[in-house]
Amino acid sequence: MPGSGGLPGESVAAVLARSKVVLGVAVIERSGIAWSAGRPPDRLFQAGSISKPVTAIAALELAARGQVDLDGDVNQWLTSWRLPGSSQVSLRQLLGHTAGTGVPFFPGYPQGGSVPTLGQVLDGTPPSVTPAVRAEPGPFRYSGGGYAVVQQLIADVTGQPFADAVRTLVLEPLGMSRSTFEQPLPVPLRSAAARDDWHRGPLPFRLLRAISDECGWSGFRQPALLRFNGLPGVRGIACARRR
């Protein structure tokens, strides 16, 4: 990797060889992975906002099945919670960050502490640490809060927990057996989490209720390459958030 400002660069091999560092690198060429390397190769990464396209694909699959309308008022399909306000907000606006729902980022909650329900997150009530998700449709405004609404909609429409619904709609059909939205990470997968001291105690990753926005987990070398509108997606490149 070339250095910036004329400084000597460090090779990918050298970065991957550092002790106590878990990294993954992939080169995408012609809609496919031309080369990839990870240390170790089968680690699971907390995917951060890369979770959003997977959530969008699940919502689009429901639309393709006729279970939701991209341009209808989302309150038609929200049954356990409703988006307040007089303005109609569509699923298309939520997916495209034009619903004005705010809350760009969810910081998560330490394990062992109080973790809000998704409804508390959406309404901004304790122990949620983020403001209420409310809509003012308009220009593009990056919004994790909007994807939390999509999460609730997918759960309500399918009658399943969000993680189960996305597994059925997206992950299993694509053969992505080492990807999940479950929070906390299931016990059988914890030893594969991207950290070097997993055996010393509880995982240091924070928990989120708005998992559609930040908290998918994915293996670095998944067998399926996600495609969205004909464009190559992501196959497990991820970022982890620690305490």
Protein backbone atom coordinates (compact mmCIF):
# COMPACT_ATOMS: atom_id res chain seq x y z
CA MET A 1 0.00 0.00 0.00
CA PRO A 2 1.67 3.25 -1.06
CA GLY A 3 2.28 5.77 1.67
CA SER A 4 0.83 9.27 1.51
CA GLY A 5 2.87 12.44 1.22
CA GLY A 6 5.84 10.58 -0.20
CA LEU A 7 6.28 8.45 2.95
CA PRO A 8 7.27 4.82 2.48
CA GLY A 9 4.29 2.50 2.22
CA GLU A 10 3.66 -0.75 4.02
CA SER A 11 2.78 -3.88 2.10
CA VAL A 12 -0.50 -5.70 2.66
CA ALA A 13 1.49 -8.76 3.71
CA ALA A 14 3.32 -6.74 6.36
CA VAL A 15 0.08 -5.32 7.78
CA LEU A 16 -1.52 -8.77 7.95
CA ALA A 17 1.59 -10.16 9.64
CA ARG A 18 1.46 -7.75 12.59
CA SER A 19 0.92 -9.45 15.91
CA LYS A 20 -2.44 -9.03 17.69
CA VAL A 21 -4.09 -7.42 14.66
CA VAL A 22 -7.04 -9.02 12.88
CA LEU A 23 -7.55 -7.60 9.39
CA GLY A 24 -9.15 -8.52 6.12
CA VAL A 25 -8.36 -7.17 2.66
CA ALA A 26 -10.15 -7.85 -0.61
CA VAL A 27 -9.66 -6.65 -4.18
CA ILE A 28 -12.86 -6.35 -6.25
CA GLU A 29 -12.51 -6.65 -10.02
CA ARG A 30 -15.22 -7.16 -12.65
CA SER A 31 -17.95 -7.72 -10.05
CA GLY A 32 -15.99 -10.41 -8.25
CA ILE A 33 -13.33 -10.89 -5.61
CA ALA A 34 -10.05 -11.14 -7.48
CA TRP A 35 -7.94 -11.59 -4.36
CA SER A 36 -8.50 -11.71 -0.63
CA ALA A 37 -6.57 -12.36 2.54
CA GLY A 38 -7.47 -12.32 6.19
CA ARG A 39 -5.75 -13.01 9.47
CA PRO A 40 -7.07 -15.54 10.43
CA PRO A 41 -8.98 -16.33 7.25
CA ASP A 42 -12.25 -17.45 8.86
CA ARG A 43 -12.79 -14.64 11.37
CA LEU A 44 -16.18 -12.93 11.76
CA PHE A 45 -16.30 -9.14 11.64
CA GLN A 46 -18.95 -6.79 13.02
CA ALA A 47 -20.05 -5.21 9.77
CA GLY A 48 -21.10 -1.73 10.86
CA SER A 49 -23.03 0.22 8.25
CA ILE A 50 -22.34 -2.43 5.63
CA SER A 51 -25.39 -3.98 7.29
CA LYS A 52 -27.60 -1.39 5.61
CA PRO A 53 -27.44 -2.80 2.04
CA VAL A 54 -28.33 -6.26 3.37
CA THR A 55 -31.31 -4.76 5.19
CA ALA A 56 -32.29 -2.94 2.00
CA ILE A 57 -32.17 -6.18 0.02
CA ALA A 58 -34.48 -7.83 2.56
CA ALA A 59 -36.94 -4.94 2.24
CA LEU A 60 -36.77 -5.07 -1.56
CA GLU A 61 -37.43 -8.80 -1.47
CA LEU A 62 -40.62 -8.14 0.50
CA ALA A 63 -41.58 -5.50 -2.08
CA ALA A 64 -40.90 -7.95 -4.93
CA ARG A 65 -43.23 -10.44 -3.24
CA GLY A 66 -45.96 -7.81 -3.01
CA GLN A 67 -45.93 -7.76 0.78
CA VAL A 68 -45.02 -4.05 0.95
CA ASP A 69 -45.17 -1.10 -1.44
CA LEU A 70 -42.02 0.98 -1.82
CA ASP A 71 -44.07 4.17 -2.23
CA GLY A 72 -46.85 3.57 0.27
CA ASP A 73 -46.99 5.03 3.78
CA VAL A 74 -44.87 2.78 6.02
CA ASN A 75 -47.47 3.07 8.77
CA GLN A 76 -49.62 0.74 6.66
CA TRP A 77 -47.22 -2.09 7.55
CA LEU A 78 -45.93 -1.01 10.96
CA THR A 79 -48.08 -2.77 13.55
CA SER A 80 -46.05 -2.82 16.79
CA TRP A 81 -44.93 0.81 16.49
CA ARG A 82 -45.96 3.73 14.28
CA LEU A 83 -43.88 6.58 12.89
CA PRO A 84 -45.38 9.76 14.40
CA GLY A 85 -46.14 12.88 12.39
CA SER A 86 -48.51 14.13 9.74
CA SER A 87 -46.17 13.54 6.78
CA GLN A 88 -46.41 10.32 4.83
CA VAL A 89 -43.09 8.47 4.73
CA SER A 90 -42.38 5.71 2.23
CA LEU A 91 -40.07 2.73 2.40
CA ARG A 92 -38.28 4.12 -0.65
CA GLN A 93 -37.51 7.33 1.30
CA LEU A 94 -36.26 5.39 4.32
CA LEU A 95 -33.96 3.21 2.21
CA GLY A 96 -32.64 6.25 0.31
CA HIS A 97 -32.09 8.47 3.39
CA THR A 98 -34.61 11.08 2.23
CA ALA A 99 -37.21 10.58 4.98
CA GLY A 100 -35.47 13.09 7.27
CA THR A 101 -35.50 10.60 10.14
CA GLY A 102 -32.22 11.76 11.68
CA VAL A 103 -30.14 9.79 14.21
CA PRO A 104 -27.22 9.15 11.87
CA PHE A 105 -25.42 6.78 14.22
CA PHE A 106 -26.20 4.35 17.03
CA PRO A 107 -23.35 4.03 19.58
CA GLY A 108 -24.55 0.77 21.10
CA TYR A 109 -24.57 -0.41 24.72
CA PRO A 110 -21.92 -2.20 26.81
CA GLN A 111 -22.62 -5.84 27.49
CA GLY A 112 -23.91 -6.37 31.00
CA GLY A 113 -25.62 -2.97 31.09
CA SER A 114 -29.15 -1.83 30.34
CA VAL A 115 -30.07 -2.34 26.69
CA PRO A 116 -33.26 -0.72 25.34
CA THR A 117 -35.86 -2.44 23.23
CA LEU A 118 -36.16 -1.39 19.60
CA GLY A 119 -39.33 0.49 20.52
CA GLN A 120 -37.44 2.47 23.18
CA VAL A 121 -34.74 3.27 20.62
CA LEU A 122 -37.32 4.50 18.13
CA ASP A 123 -39.00 6.69 20.76
CA GLY A 124 -35.77 7.83 22.40
CA THR A 125 -36.87 6.71 25.87
CA PRO A 126 -34.50 5.37 28.59
CA PRO A 127 -32.31 3.47 28.57
CA SER A 128 -31.90 4.59 24.93
CA VAL A 129 -29.08 7.13 24.58
CA THR A 130 -30.20 8.48 21.21
CA PRO A 131 -33.07 10.86 20.39
CA ALA A 132 -36.45 9.75 19.07
CA VAL A 133 -36.69 8.79 15.41
CA ARG A 134 -39.03 11.27 13.74
CA ALA A 135 -39.51 12.17 10.08
CA GLU A 136 -39.26 15.38 8.10
CA PRO A 137 -39.05 14.23 4.44
CA GLY A 138 -36.71 16.29 2.30
CA PRO A 139 -33.19 16.24 0.86
CA PHE A 140 -30.70 13.45 1.51
CA ARG A 141 -29.89 13.10 5.19
CA TYR A 142 -27.90 10.04 6.24
CA SER A 143 -30.01 8.24 8.80
CA GLY A 144 -29.41 5.15 10.85
CA GLY A 145 -32.74 5.97 12.48
CA GLY A 146 -34.51 5.40 9.17
CA TYR A 147 -33.06 1.92 8.96
CA ALA A 148 -34.24 1.21 12.51
CA VAL A 149 -37.76 1.92 11.21
CA VAL A 150 -37.12 -0.47 8.30
CA GLN A 151 -35.99 -3.07 10.83
CA GLN A 152 -39.27 -2.75 12.70
CA LEU A 153 -41.24 -2.89 9.44
CA ILE A 154 -39.51 -6.10 8.30
CA ALA A 155 -40.18 -7.73 11.68
CA ASP A 156 -43.83 -6.66 11.63
CA VAL A 157 -44.49 -7.77 8.03
CA THR A 158 -42.82 -11.17 8.41
CA GLY A 159 -43.93 -11.85 11.97
CA GLN A 160 -40.36 -12.88 12.77
CA PRO A 161 -37.51 -11.34 14.73
CA PHE A 162 -35.51 -9.18 12.34
CA ALA A 163 -32.41 -11.41 12.44
CA ASP A 164 -34.49 -14.48 11.53
CA ALA A 165 -36.31 -12.63 8.76
CA VAL A 166 -33.09 -11.45 7.09
CA ARG A 167 -31.58 -14.90 7.38
CA THR A 168 -34.61 -16.34 5.55
CA LEU A 169 -34.94 -13.55 2.96
CA VAL A 170 -31.27 -12.90 2.13
CA LEU A 171 -28.53 -14.83 3.90
CA GLU A 172 -29.70 -18.42 3.42
CA PRO A 173 -30.63 -18.02 -0.28
CA LEU A 174 -27.15 -16.63 -0.92
CA GLY A 175 -25.39 -19.36 1.04
CA MET A 176 -24.06 -16.87 3.60
CA SER A 177 -23.94 -19.35 6.47
CA ARG A 178 -21.32 -17.37 8.36
CA SER A 179 -23.28 -14.12 8.46
CA THR A 180 -25.89 -13.13 11.04
CA PHE A 181 -27.71 -10.17 12.58
CA GLU A 182 -28.16 -11.92 15.93
CA GLN A 183 -27.31 -9.88 19.02
CA PRO A 184 -25.40 -10.91 21.04
CA LEU A 185 -23.39 -13.14 18.74
CA PRO A 186 -24.50 -16.78 19.17
CA VAL A 187 -22.23 -18.81 21.43
CA PRO A 188 -21.08 -21.26 18.69
CA LEU A 189 -19.75 -18.32 16.64
CA ARG A 190 -18.09 -16.32 19.41
CA SER A 191 -14.74 -18.06 19.10
CA ALA A 192 -14.58 -16.80 15.49
CA ALA A 193 -15.19 -13.15 16.40
CA ALA A 194 -12.49 -10.78 15.13
CA ARG A 195 -10.43 -10.29 18.27
CA ASP A 196 -7.34 -11.89 19.70
CA ASP A 197 -8.50 -12.45 23.30
CA TRP A 198 -11.98 -13.96 22.86
CA HIS A 199 -11.17 -16.72 25.34
CA ARG A 200 -10.42 -14.31 28.21
CA GLY A 201 -13.95 -13.13 28.94
CA PRO A 202 -17.14 -11.59 27.51
CA LEU A 203 -16.92 -10.22 24.00
CA PRO A 204 -16.01 -6.50 24.13
CA PHE A 205 -18.34 -5.59 21.28
CA ARG A 206 -21.25 -3.32 22.10
CA LEU A 207 -24.84 -4.46 21.69
CA LEU A 208 -27.35 -2.63 19.52
CA ARG A 209 -31.09 -2.90 19.15
CA ALA A 210 -31.04 -1.07 15.81
CA ILE A 211 -29.17 -4.01 14.33
CA SER A 212 -30.31 -3.29 10.75
CA ASP A 213 -28.09 -0.21 10.78
CA GLU A 214 -24.85 -1.29 12.41
CA CYS A 215 -24.65 -4.81 13.69
CA GLY A 216 -24.54 -7.52 11.09
CA TRP A 217 -21.71 -10.05 11.45
CA SER A 218 -20.06 -11.59 8.41
CA GLY A 219 -17.26 -13.94 7.53
CA PHE A 220 -14.56 -12.47 5.33
CA ARG A 221 -14.75 -15.17 2.67
CA GLN A 222 -18.45 -15.75 2.11
CA PRO A 223 -19.46 -17.90 -0.87
CA ALA A 224 -22.03 -15.46 -2.24
CA LEU A 225 -21.32 -11.99 -3.63
CA LEU A 226 -24.23 -9.69 -2.91
CA ARG A 227 -25.54 -7.64 -5.81
CA PHE A 228 -27.77 -4.60 -5.53
CA ASN A 229 -29.25 -3.15 -8.74
CA GLY A 230 -26.62 -5.04 -10.71
CA LEU A 231 -23.70 -3.63 -8.74
CA PRO A 232 -21.28 -5.75 -6.72
CA GLY A 233 -21.93 -5.62 -3.00
CA VAL A 234 -19.85 -6.61 -0.03
CA ARG A 235 -18.67 -10.07 0.92
CA GLY A 236 -17.71 -9.62 4.54
CA ILE A 237 -15.45 -6.55 4.59
CA ALA A 238 -16.30 -5.09 7.96
CA CYS A 239 -15.46 -2.83 10.83
CA ALA A 240 -15.68 -3.73 14.49
CA ARG A 241 -16.67 -1.39 17.28
CA ARG A 242 -15.18 -2.05 20.67
CA ARG A 243 -15.66 -0.49 24.06
